[in-house]
Amino acid sequence: MDQTDLKILSHLQENARLSMVEIGKLVGLSSPSVTERVRRLEEQGVIISYRTIVNPKELKKHITAFVLMEPRDCNKYKKFAMEHPDVVECHRIAGLYSYLTKVVTESVH
């Protein structure tokens, strides 16, 4: 991976909807060259997915909370977090608590 690959990655992280032509203009390469580099980065596992970032306020979810948890049953909590629609992230952490969970919801109730 060289500096050009890093620039391509930076542009894709900022806006994954950029066309290969647009990225090429930004990094000084032809679109086929950019396409080949992106394909290689995907094959190498550097790029693992492309995601949509949703505006929670447009979904009437105005509350964002970070919750520290120390559940009795980690597997049960993990299943709960994966299935609950308001949980957007759940991280296993070290320290006093086992999980840091990001919740986006309509209210605190």
N, C-alpha and C. Protein backbone atom coordinates (compact mmCIF):
# COMPACT_ATOMS: atom_id res chain seq x y z
N MET A 1 0.85 -1.17 0.00
CA MET A 1 0.00 0.00 0.00
C MET A 1 0.90 1.24 0.00
N ASP A 2 0.62 2.13 -0.93
CA ASP A 2 1.43 3.34 -1.05
C ASP A 2 0.60 4.58 -0.69
N GLN A 3 1.21 5.74 -0.85
CA GLN A 3 0.54 7.01 -0.51
C GLN A 3 -0.72 7.22 -1.34
N THR A 4 -0.70 6.80 -2.61
CA THR A 4 -1.88 6.95 -3.46
C THR A 4 -3.03 6.10 -2.94
N ASP A 5 -2.74 4.86 -2.53
CA ASP A 5 -3.78 4.02 -1.94
C ASP A 5 -4.36 4.68 -0.70
N LEU A 6 -3.50 5.26 0.13
CA LEU A 6 -3.97 5.94 1.34
C LEU A 6 -4.86 7.13 1.00
N LYS A 7 -4.52 7.87 -0.05
CA LYS A 7 -5.36 8.99 -0.48
C LYS A 7 -6.71 8.49 -0.98
N ILE A 8 -6.70 7.41 -1.76
CA ILE A 8 -7.95 6.82 -2.25
C ILE A 8 -8.82 6.40 -1.07
N LEU A 9 -8.22 5.72 -0.10
CA LEU A 9 -8.97 5.30 1.08
C LEU A 9 -9.55 6.49 1.83
N SER A 10 -8.78 7.55 1.96
CA SER A 10 -9.25 8.74 2.65
C SER A 10 -10.47 9.33 1.94
N HIS A 11 -10.41 9.41 0.63
CA HIS A 11 -11.56 9.95 -0.12
C HIS A 11 -12.78 9.04 -0.01
N LEU A 12 -12.57 7.73 -0.05
CA LEU A 12 -13.69 6.80 0.08
C LEU A 12 -14.30 6.85 1.48
N GLN A 13 -13.47 7.05 2.50
CA GLN A 13 -13.99 7.16 3.85
C GLN A 13 -14.83 8.43 4.01
N GLU A 14 -14.44 9.47 3.32
CA GLU A 14 -15.19 10.73 3.38
C GLU A 14 -16.49 10.63 2.59
N ASN A 15 -16.44 9.96 1.43
CA ASN A 15 -17.62 9.83 0.58
C ASN A 15 -17.48 8.59 -0.30
N ALA A 16 -18.05 7.48 0.14
CA ALA A 16 -17.94 6.21 -0.59
C ALA A 16 -18.72 6.22 -1.90
N ARG A 17 -19.49 7.25 -2.15
CA ARG A 17 -20.26 7.34 -3.40
C ARG A 17 -19.50 8.05 -4.51
N LEU A 18 -18.29 8.49 -4.25
CA LEU A 18 -17.50 9.11 -5.31
C LEU A 18 -17.27 8.10 -6.43
N SER A 19 -17.35 8.58 -7.65
CA SER A 19 -17.07 7.70 -8.79
C SER A 19 -15.56 7.52 -8.93
N MET A 20 -15.17 6.49 -9.66
CA MET A 20 -13.74 6.26 -9.89
C MET A 20 -13.13 7.42 -10.68
N VAL A 21 -13.92 8.04 -11.56
CA VAL A 21 -13.46 9.21 -12.31
C VAL A 21 -13.16 10.36 -11.34
N GLU A 22 -14.08 10.61 -10.40
CA GLU A 22 -13.89 11.70 -9.43
C GLU A 22 -12.67 11.44 -8.54
N ILE A 23 -12.53 10.20 -8.08
CA ILE A 23 -11.37 9.87 -7.25
C ILE A 23 -10.09 10.03 -8.06
N GLY A 24 -10.13 9.59 -9.31
CA GLY A 24 -8.97 9.72 -10.18
C GLY A 24 -8.51 11.16 -10.31
N LYS A 25 -9.46 12.08 -10.47
CA LYS A 25 -9.12 13.50 -10.56
C LYS A 25 -8.48 14.00 -9.27
N LEU A 26 -8.97 13.50 -8.15
CA LEU A 26 -8.46 13.94 -6.84
C LEU A 26 -7.06 13.43 -6.55
N VAL A 27 -6.73 12.24 -7.08
CA VAL A 27 -5.42 11.64 -6.77
C VAL A 27 -4.47 11.62 -7.97
N GLY A 28 -4.93 12.12 -9.11
CA GLY A 28 -4.07 12.21 -10.29
C GLY A 28 -3.87 10.90 -11.03
N LEU A 29 -4.92 10.06 -11.08
CA LEU A 29 -4.86 8.79 -11.81
C LEU A 29 -6.05 8.67 -12.75
N SER A 30 -5.95 7.77 -13.71
CA SER A 30 -7.08 7.47 -14.58
C SER A 30 -8.10 6.64 -13.80
N SER A 31 -9.36 6.66 -14.25
CA SER A 31 -10.38 5.88 -13.55
C SER A 31 -10.08 4.38 -13.59
N PRO A 32 -9.54 3.80 -14.71
CA PRO A 32 -9.20 2.37 -14.66
C PRO A 32 -8.13 2.06 -13.60
N SER A 33 -7.17 2.96 -13.43
CA SER A 33 -6.14 2.75 -12.40
C SER A 33 -6.74 2.78 -11.00
N VAL A 34 -7.66 3.72 -10.77
CA VAL A 34 -8.32 3.80 -9.46
C VAL A 34 -9.16 2.55 -9.24
N THR A 35 -9.90 2.13 -10.26
CA THR A 35 -10.73 0.93 -10.15
C THR A 35 -9.89 -0.28 -9.77
N GLU A 36 -8.75 -0.44 -10.41
CA GLU A 36 -7.86 -1.56 -10.12
C GLU A 36 -7.33 -1.49 -8.69
N ARG A 37 -6.96 -0.31 -8.25
CA ARG A 37 -6.45 -0.15 -6.89
C ARG A 37 -7.54 -0.46 -5.85
N VAL A 38 -8.75 0.04 -6.10
CA VAL A 38 -9.86 -0.22 -5.17
C VAL A 38 -10.17 -1.72 -5.14
N ARG A 39 -10.18 -2.37 -6.31
CA ARG A 39 -10.43 -3.81 -6.37
C ARG A 39 -9.38 -4.56 -5.56
N ARG A 40 -8.11 -4.17 -5.71
CA ARG A 40 -7.02 -4.82 -4.98
C ARG A 40 -7.17 -4.60 -3.47
N LEU A 41 -7.54 -3.39 -3.07
CA LEU A 41 -7.75 -3.11 -1.64
C LEU A 41 -8.90 -3.94 -1.07
N GLU A 42 -9.93 -4.15 -1.88
CA GLU A 42 -11.04 -5.02 -1.45
C GLU A 42 -10.57 -6.46 -1.32
N GLU A 43 -9.85 -6.96 -2.31
CA GLU A 43 -9.36 -8.34 -2.29
C GLU A 43 -8.41 -8.59 -1.12
N GLN A 44 -7.62 -7.59 -0.77
CA GLN A 44 -6.67 -7.72 0.34
C GLN A 44 -7.35 -7.58 1.71
N GLY A 45 -8.62 -7.23 1.71
CA GLY A 45 -9.34 -7.07 2.97
C GLY A 45 -9.13 -5.73 3.63
N VAL A 46 -8.49 -4.80 2.94
CA VAL A 46 -8.31 -3.45 3.48
C VAL A 46 -9.67 -2.75 3.51
N ILE A 47 -10.40 -2.84 2.41
CA ILE A 47 -11.78 -2.34 2.34
C ILE A 47 -12.67 -3.55 2.56
N ILE A 48 -13.47 -3.53 3.64
CA ILE A 48 -14.31 -4.68 3.92
C ILE A 48 -15.79 -4.44 3.66
N SER A 49 -16.20 -3.17 3.59
CA SER A 49 -17.60 -2.90 3.26
C SER A 49 -17.79 -1.41 2.98
N TYR A 50 -18.94 -1.10 2.45
CA TYR A 50 -19.35 0.28 2.23
C TYR A 50 -20.66 0.43 3.00
N ARG A 51 -20.80 1.52 3.74
CA ARG A 51 -21.96 1.67 4.63
C ARG A 51 -22.67 2.99 4.41
N THR A 52 -23.92 2.98 4.82
CA THR A 52 -24.73 4.19 4.80
C THR A 52 -24.74 4.80 6.20
N ILE A 53 -24.59 6.09 6.29
CA ILE A 53 -24.70 6.80 7.56
C ILE A 53 -26.07 7.47 7.57
N VAL A 54 -26.90 7.07 8.51
CA VAL A 54 -28.27 7.56 8.60
C VAL A 54 -28.33 8.72 9.60
N ASN A 55 -29.08 9.75 9.25
CA ASN A 55 -29.30 10.88 10.15
C ASN A 55 -30.40 10.49 11.14
N PRO A 56 -30.07 10.23 12.41
CA PRO A 56 -31.08 9.78 13.37
C PRO A 56 -32.22 10.77 13.56
N LYS A 57 -31.94 12.06 13.43
CA LYS A 57 -33.00 13.06 13.63
C LYS A 57 -34.09 12.93 12.57
N GLU A 58 -33.73 12.51 11.37
CA GLU A 58 -34.73 12.30 10.32
C GLU A 58 -35.62 11.11 10.64
N LEU A 59 -35.16 10.24 11.52
CA LEU A 59 -35.95 9.09 11.97
C LEU A 59 -36.63 9.39 13.31
N LYS A 60 -36.62 10.67 13.68
CA LYS A 60 -37.23 11.14 14.95
C LYS A 60 -36.53 10.55 16.17
N LYS A 61 -35.24 10.25 16.03
CA LYS A 61 -34.46 9.74 17.16
C LYS A 61 -33.48 10.84 17.57
N HIS A 62 -33.88 11.60 18.59
CA HIS A 62 -33.14 12.79 18.99
C HIS A 62 -32.20 12.57 20.17
N ILE A 63 -32.24 11.38 20.75
CA ILE A 63 -31.41 11.09 21.92
C ILE A 63 -30.33 10.08 21.55
N THR A 64 -29.08 10.45 21.84
CA THR A 64 -27.96 9.51 21.69
C THR A 64 -27.36 9.31 23.07
N ALA A 65 -27.21 8.05 23.46
CA ALA A 65 -26.65 7.73 24.77
C ALA A 65 -25.58 6.66 24.63
N PHE A 66 -24.54 6.78 25.44
CA PHE A 66 -23.51 5.76 25.53
C PHE A 66 -23.67 5.09 26.89
N VAL A 67 -23.90 3.79 26.87
CA VAL A 67 -24.23 3.06 28.09
C VAL A 67 -23.12 2.05 28.40
N LEU A 68 -22.57 2.14 29.60
CA LEU A 68 -21.59 1.16 30.07
C LEU A 68 -22.34 0.04 30.77
N MET A 69 -22.01 -1.20 30.42
CA MET A 69 -22.74 -2.35 30.98
C MET A 69 -21.77 -3.40 31.50
N GLU A 70 -22.19 -4.05 32.58
CA GLU A 70 -21.50 -5.23 33.10
C GLU A 70 -22.58 -6.30 33.31
N PRO A 71 -23.01 -6.95 32.23
CA PRO A 71 -24.11 -7.91 32.35
C PRO A 71 -23.66 -9.20 33.04
N ARG A 72 -24.62 -9.89 33.66
CA ARG A 72 -24.33 -11.19 34.28
C ARG A 72 -24.05 -12.23 33.21
N ASP A 73 -24.79 -12.14 32.11
CA ASP A 73 -24.66 -13.11 31.01
C ASP A 73 -24.28 -12.36 29.73
N CYS A 74 -23.00 -12.38 29.38
CA CYS A 74 -22.51 -11.62 28.22
C CYS A 74 -23.15 -12.09 26.92
N ASN A 75 -23.34 -13.39 26.75
CA ASN A 75 -23.96 -13.89 25.52
C ASN A 75 -25.39 -13.40 25.37
N LYS A 76 -26.12 -13.39 26.48
CA LYS A 76 -27.50 -12.90 26.45
C LYS A 76 -27.54 -11.41 26.11
N TYR A 77 -26.62 -10.63 26.70
CA TYR A 77 -26.56 -9.20 26.41
C TYR A 77 -26.18 -8.94 24.96
N LYS A 78 -25.21 -9.69 24.46
CA LYS A 78 -24.80 -9.55 23.06
C LYS A 78 -25.98 -9.81 22.13
N LYS A 79 -26.75 -10.86 22.40
CA LYS A 79 -27.93 -11.18 21.59
C LYS A 79 -28.95 -10.03 21.66
N PHE A 80 -29.19 -9.52 22.88
CA PHE A 80 -30.11 -8.40 23.06
C PHE A 80 -29.66 -7.20 22.23
N ALA A 81 -28.38 -6.85 22.34
CA ALA A 81 -27.85 -5.68 21.64
C ALA A 81 -27.96 -5.83 20.12
N MET A 82 -27.72 -7.02 19.62
CA MET A 82 -27.80 -7.26 18.17
C MET A 82 -29.23 -7.17 17.65
N GLU A 83 -30.20 -7.49 18.50
CA GLU A 83 -31.60 -7.52 18.07
C GLU A 83 -32.36 -6.23 18.34
N HIS A 84 -31.87 -5.39 19.24
CA HIS A 84 -32.62 -4.18 19.63
C HIS A 84 -32.43 -3.09 18.58
N PRO A 85 -33.52 -2.54 18.05
CA PRO A 85 -33.41 -1.56 16.96
C PRO A 85 -32.76 -0.23 17.35
N ASP A 86 -32.74 0.11 18.63
CA ASP A 86 -32.14 1.38 19.06
C ASP A 86 -30.64 1.26 19.32
N VAL A 87 -30.11 0.06 19.39
CA VAL A 87 -28.68 -0.14 19.60
C VAL A 87 -27.98 -0.04 18.24
N VAL A 88 -27.10 0.94 18.10
CA VAL A 88 -26.40 1.12 16.82
C VAL A 88 -24.95 0.65 16.87
N GLU A 89 -24.38 0.54 18.07
CA GLU A 89 -23.03 0.01 18.24
C GLU A 89 -22.95 -0.66 19.59
N CYS A 90 -22.14 -1.72 19.65
CA CYS A 90 -21.89 -2.38 20.93
C CYS A 90 -20.45 -2.90 20.89
N HIS A 91 -19.64 -2.40 21.83
CA HIS A 91 -18.22 -2.73 21.85
C HIS A 91 -17.86 -3.46 23.14
N ARG A 92 -17.12 -4.55 23.01
CA ARG A 92 -16.57 -5.26 24.17
C ARG A 92 -15.33 -4.49 24.59
N ILE A 93 -15.26 -4.13 25.87
CA ILE A 93 -14.15 -3.31 26.35
C ILE A 93 -13.51 -3.95 27.58
N ALA A 94 -12.32 -3.48 27.91
CA ALA A 94 -11.63 -3.93 29.12
C ALA A 94 -11.81 -2.89 30.21
N GLY A 95 -11.75 -3.34 31.44
CA GLY A 95 -11.86 -2.41 32.55
C GLY A 95 -13.01 -2.75 33.47
N LEU A 96 -13.56 -1.75 34.11
CA LEU A 96 -14.61 -1.94 35.10
C LEU A 96 -15.89 -2.50 34.48
N TYR A 97 -16.16 -2.14 33.23
CA TYR A 97 -17.35 -2.61 32.53
C TYR A 97 -16.94 -3.49 31.35
N SER A 98 -17.87 -4.31 30.89
CA SER A 98 -17.58 -5.23 29.78
C SER A 98 -18.01 -4.69 28.43
N TYR A 99 -19.03 -3.83 28.41
CA TYR A 99 -19.56 -3.34 27.13
C TYR A 99 -19.79 -1.84 27.16
N LEU A 100 -19.54 -1.21 26.02
CA LEU A 100 -19.92 0.18 25.77
C LEU A 100 -20.92 0.11 24.62
N THR A 101 -22.15 0.54 24.88
CA THR A 101 -23.23 0.42 23.91
C THR A 101 -23.72 1.81 23.52
N LYS A 102 -23.81 2.05 22.22
CA LYS A 102 -24.35 3.32 21.72
C LYS A 102 -25.81 3.09 21.35
N VAL A 103 -26.67 3.91 21.93
CA VAL A 103 -28.11 3.80 21.72
C VAL A 103 -28.60 5.11 21.12
N VAL A 104 -29.42 5.03 20.08
CA VAL A 104 -30.05 6.20 19.48
C VAL A 104 -31.55 5.96 19.52
N THR A 105 -32.28 6.87 20.19
CA THR A 105 -33.70 6.61 20.44
C THR A 105 -34.52 7.89 20.43
N GLU A 106 -35.84 7.72 20.50
CA GLU A 106 -36.76 8.86 20.46
C GLU A 106 -36.77 9.62 21.78
N SER A 107 -36.68 8.89 22.90
CA SER A 107 -36.75 9.53 24.21
C SER A 107 -35.96 8.70 25.22
N VAL A 108 -35.84 9.22 26.42
CA VAL A 108 -35.14 8.50 27.47
C VAL A 108 -36.04 7.49 28.18
N HIS A 109 -37.28 7.42 27.81
CA HIS A 109 -38.23 6.49 28.44
C HIS A 109 -38.32 5.20 27.69
